[in-house]
Amino acid sequence: MAKTKEVANLVEMTIPDLQLQLRDCEEKLVRIKFSNSISPVKNPLEIRSLRRQRARILTYVRQKQLGQPAAEAPRPAAPKKLEKVPAKAPVKAPAKAKKSNKDKK
């Protein structure tokens, strides 16, 4: 439920507010990554959540720039299924002629 409130807050924000939020999120991410490189952080999943939060903010900024409503976010089209082509019957090689004992002489 916390995510839905968070997303609702992002939808209502203006572009300058979102950019400010983005800057804060990026600063936190850099600090946590730096501290993680020195010594492991207590909660490594925080890095993942900050990356995702940053992506969410960037998505809403771009949607607002394009003038798209948040509910109608563009989604990638599903890949088309290829038709199955029936397999061809295997071609048989011509039978070799058997050599008889007469040919060996």
C-alpha atoms as a PDB file:
ATOM      1  CA  MET A   1       0.000   0.000   0.000  1.00  0.00           C
ATOM      2  CA  ALA A   2       2.944   2.295   0.551  1.00  0.00           C
ATOM      3  CA  LYS A   3       3.911   2.024  -3.109  1.00  0.00           C
ATOM      4  CA  THR A   4       0.478   3.119  -4.305  1.00  0.00           C
ATOM      5  CA  LYS A   5       0.604   6.225  -2.099  1.00  0.00           C
ATOM      6  CA  GLU A   6       4.124   6.907  -3.309  1.00  0.00           C
ATOM      7  CA  VAL A   7       3.066   6.574  -6.943  1.00  0.00           C
ATOM      8  CA  ALA A   8       0.008   8.751  -6.345  1.00  0.00           C
ATOM      9  CA  ASN A   9       2.290  11.436  -4.911  1.00  0.00           C
ATOM     10  CA  LEU A  10       4.554  11.258  -7.953  1.00  0.00           C
ATOM     11  CA  VAL A  11       1.610  11.572 -10.336  1.00  0.00           C
ATOM     12  CA  GLU A  12       0.436  14.762  -8.631  1.00  0.00           C
ATOM     13  CA  MET A  13       3.887  16.442  -8.595  1.00  0.00           C
ATOM     14  CA  THR A  14       4.976  19.023 -11.143  1.00  0.00           C
ATOM     15  CA  ILE A  15       8.037  18.557 -13.325  1.00  0.00           C
ATOM     16  CA  PRO A  16      10.314  20.819 -11.192  1.00  0.00           C
ATOM     17  CA  ASP A  17       9.233  18.943  -8.048  1.00  0.00           C
ATOM     18  CA  LEU A  18       9.933  15.616  -9.742  1.00  0.00           C
ATOM     19  CA  GLN A  19      13.354  16.824 -10.847  1.00  0.00           C
ATOM     20  CA  LEU A  20      14.134  17.873  -7.268  1.00  0.00           C
ATOM     21  CA  GLN A  21      12.996  14.468  -6.024  1.00  0.00           C
ATOM     22  CA  LEU A  22      15.141  12.840  -8.728  1.00  0.00           C
ATOM     23  CA  ARG A  23      18.217  14.766  -7.615  1.00  0.00           C
ATOM     24  CA  ASP A  24      17.688  13.685  -3.994  1.00  0.00           C
ATOM     25  CA  CYS A  25      17.204  10.074  -5.035  1.00  0.00           C
ATOM     26  CA  GLU A  26      20.366  10.088  -7.160  1.00  0.00           C
ATOM     27  CA  GLU A  27      22.395  11.617  -4.316  1.00  0.00           C
ATOM     28  CA  LYS A  28      21.186   8.915  -1.919  1.00  0.00           C
ATOM     29  CA  LEU A  29      22.002   6.235  -4.459  1.00  0.00           C
ATOM     30  CA  VAL A  30      25.550   7.537  -4.974  1.00  0.00           C
ATOM     31  CA  ARG A  31      26.132   7.743  -1.201  1.00  0.00           C
ATOM     32  CA  ILE A  32      24.857   4.216  -0.590  1.00  0.00           C
ATOM     33  CA  LYS A  33      26.843   2.760  -3.491  1.00  0.00           C
ATOM     34  CA  PHE A  34      29.980   4.473  -2.231  1.00  0.00           C
ATOM     35  CA  SER A  35      29.499   3.247   1.323  1.00  0.00           C
ATOM     36  CA  ASN A  36      28.733  -0.241  -0.009  1.00  0.00           C
ATOM     37  CA  SER A  37      32.038  -0.293  -1.887  1.00  0.00           C
ATOM     38  CA  ILE A  38      33.913   0.518   1.327  1.00  0.00           C
ATOM     39  CA  SER A  39      31.995  -1.832   3.594  1.00  0.00           C
ATOM     40  CA  PRO A  40      28.768  -3.776   3.032  1.00  0.00           C
ATOM     41  CA  VAL A  41      25.604  -1.864   3.863  1.00  0.00           C
ATOM     42  CA  LYS A  42      23.050  -3.328   6.264  1.00  0.00           C
ATOM     43  CA  ASN A  43      20.292  -3.462   3.691  1.00  0.00           C
ATOM     44  CA  PRO A  44      21.586  -4.037   0.139  1.00  0.00           C
ATOM     45  CA  LEU A  45      18.016  -4.081  -1.186  1.00  0.00           C
ATOM     46  CA  GLU A  46      17.912  -0.354  -0.534  1.00  0.00           C
ATOM     47  CA  ILE A  47      20.147   0.117  -3.597  1.00  0.00           C
ATOM     48  CA  ARG A  48      17.621  -1.729  -5.731  1.00  0.00           C
ATOM     49  CA  SER A  49      14.681   0.226  -4.354  1.00  0.00           C
ATOM     50  CA  LEU A  50      16.466   3.552  -5.006  1.00  0.00           C
ATOM     51  CA  ARG A  51      17.263   2.517  -8.586  1.00  0.00           C
ATOM     52  CA  ARG A  52      13.620   1.631  -9.156  1.00  0.00           C
ATOM     53  CA  GLN A  53      12.433   4.846  -7.511  1.00  0.00           C
ATOM     54  CA  ARG A  54      14.738   6.813  -9.800  1.00  0.00           C
ATOM     55  CA  ALA A  55      13.338   5.005 -12.835  1.00  0.00           C
ATOM     56  CA  ARG A  56       9.773   5.701 -11.690  1.00  0.00           C
ATOM     57  CA  ILE A  57      10.507   9.406 -11.296  1.00  0.00           C
ATOM     58  CA  LEU A  58      12.166   9.583 -14.720  1.00  0.00           C
ATOM     59  CA  THR A  59       9.138   7.853 -16.239  1.00  0.00           C
ATOM     60  CA  TYR A  60       6.712  10.375 -14.755  1.00  0.00           C
ATOM     61  CA  VAL A  61       8.904  13.299 -15.811  1.00  0.00           C
ATOM     62  CA  ARG A  62       8.937  12.004 -19.383  1.00  0.00           C
ATOM     63  CA  GLN A  63       5.190  11.373 -19.379  1.00  0.00           C
ATOM     64  CA  LYS A  64       4.522  14.909 -18.210  1.00  0.00           C
ATOM     65  CA  GLN A  65       6.879  16.311 -20.853  1.00  0.00           C
ATOM     66  CA  LEU A  66       4.994  14.411 -23.550  1.00  0.00           C
ATOM     67  CA  GLY A  67       1.636  15.372 -22.069  1.00  0.00           C
ATOM     68  CA  GLN A  68       0.497  11.791 -21.549  1.00  0.00           C
ATOM     69  CA  PRO A  69      -1.795  10.909 -18.687  1.00  0.00           C
ATOM     70  CA  ALA A  70      -0.131   8.689 -16.091  1.00  0.00           C
ATOM     71  CA  ALA A  71      -2.705   5.904 -16.414  1.00  0.00           C
ATOM     72  CA  GLU A  72      -2.037   5.523 -20.122  1.00  0.00           C
ATOM     73  CA  ALA A  73       1.666   4.869 -19.903  1.00  0.00           C
ATOM     74  CA  PRO A  74       2.996   3.396 -23.149  1.00  0.00           C
ATOM     75  CA  ARG A  75       3.781  -0.282 -22.885  1.00  0.00           C
ATOM     76  CA  PRO A  76       5.870  -2.324 -25.250  1.00  0.00           C
ATOM     77  CA  ALA A  77       3.862  -4.451 -27.634  1.00  0.00           C
ATOM     78  CA  ALA A  78       3.823  -8.155 -27.024  1.00  0.00           C
ATOM     79  CA  PRO A  79       5.980 -10.105 -29.459  1.00  0.00           C
ATOM     80  CA  LYS A  80       4.039 -11.687 -32.306  1.00  0.00           C
ATOM     81  CA  LYS A  81       3.771 -15.431 -32.339  1.00  0.00           C
ATOM     82  CA  LEU A  82       5.276 -17.027 -35.390  1.00  0.00           C
ATOM     83  CA  GLU A  83       3.237 -19.455 -37.422  1.00  0.00           C
ATOM     84  CA  LYS A  84       4.469 -22.983 -37.353  1.00  0.00           C
ATOM     85  CA  VAL A  85       5.516 -24.156 -40.777  1.00  0.00           C
ATOM     86  CA  PRO A  86       4.867 -27.856 -41.352  1.00  0.00           C
ATOM     87  CA  ALA A  87       8.073 -29.833 -41.543  1.00  0.00           C
ATOM     88  CA  LYS A  88       9.006 -31.278 -44.893  1.00  0.00           C
ATOM     89  CA  ALA A  89       9.249 -35.027 -45.270  1.00  0.00           C
ATOM     90  CA  PRO A  90      12.872 -36.173 -45.163  1.00  0.00           C
ATOM     91  CA  VAL A  91      14.357 -36.873 -48.575  1.00  0.00           C
ATOM     92  CA  LYS A  92      15.678 -40.406 -48.908  1.00  0.00           C
ATOM     93  CA  ALA A  93      19.031 -40.913 -50.552  1.00  0.00           C
ATOM     94  CA  PRO A  94      19.026 -43.252 -53.557  1.00  0.00           C
ATOM     95  CA  ALA A  95      19.815 -46.822 -52.650  1.00  0.00           C
ATOM     96  CA  LYS A  96      23.325 -48.002 -53.492  1.00  0.00           C
ATOM     97  CA  ALA A  97      23.614 -50.829 -55.948  1.00  0.00           C
ATOM     98  CA  LYS A  98      24.859 -53.978 -54.343  1.00  0.00           C
ATOM     99  CA  LYS A  99      28.051 -55.372 -55.756  1.00  0.00           C
ATOM    100  CA  SER A 100      27.893 -58.962 -56.686  1.00  0.00           C
ATOM    101  CA  ASN A 101      30.729 -61.474 -56.481  1.00  0.00           C
ATOM    102  CA  LYS A 102      31.092 -61.353 -60.257  1.00  0.00           C
ATOM    103  CA  ASP A 103      32.074 -57.662 -60.124  1.00  0.00           C
ATOM    104  CA  LYS A 104      34.938 -58.344 -57.724  1.00  0.00           C
ATOM    105  CA  LYS A 105      36.887 -60.517 -60.189  1.00  0.00           C
END
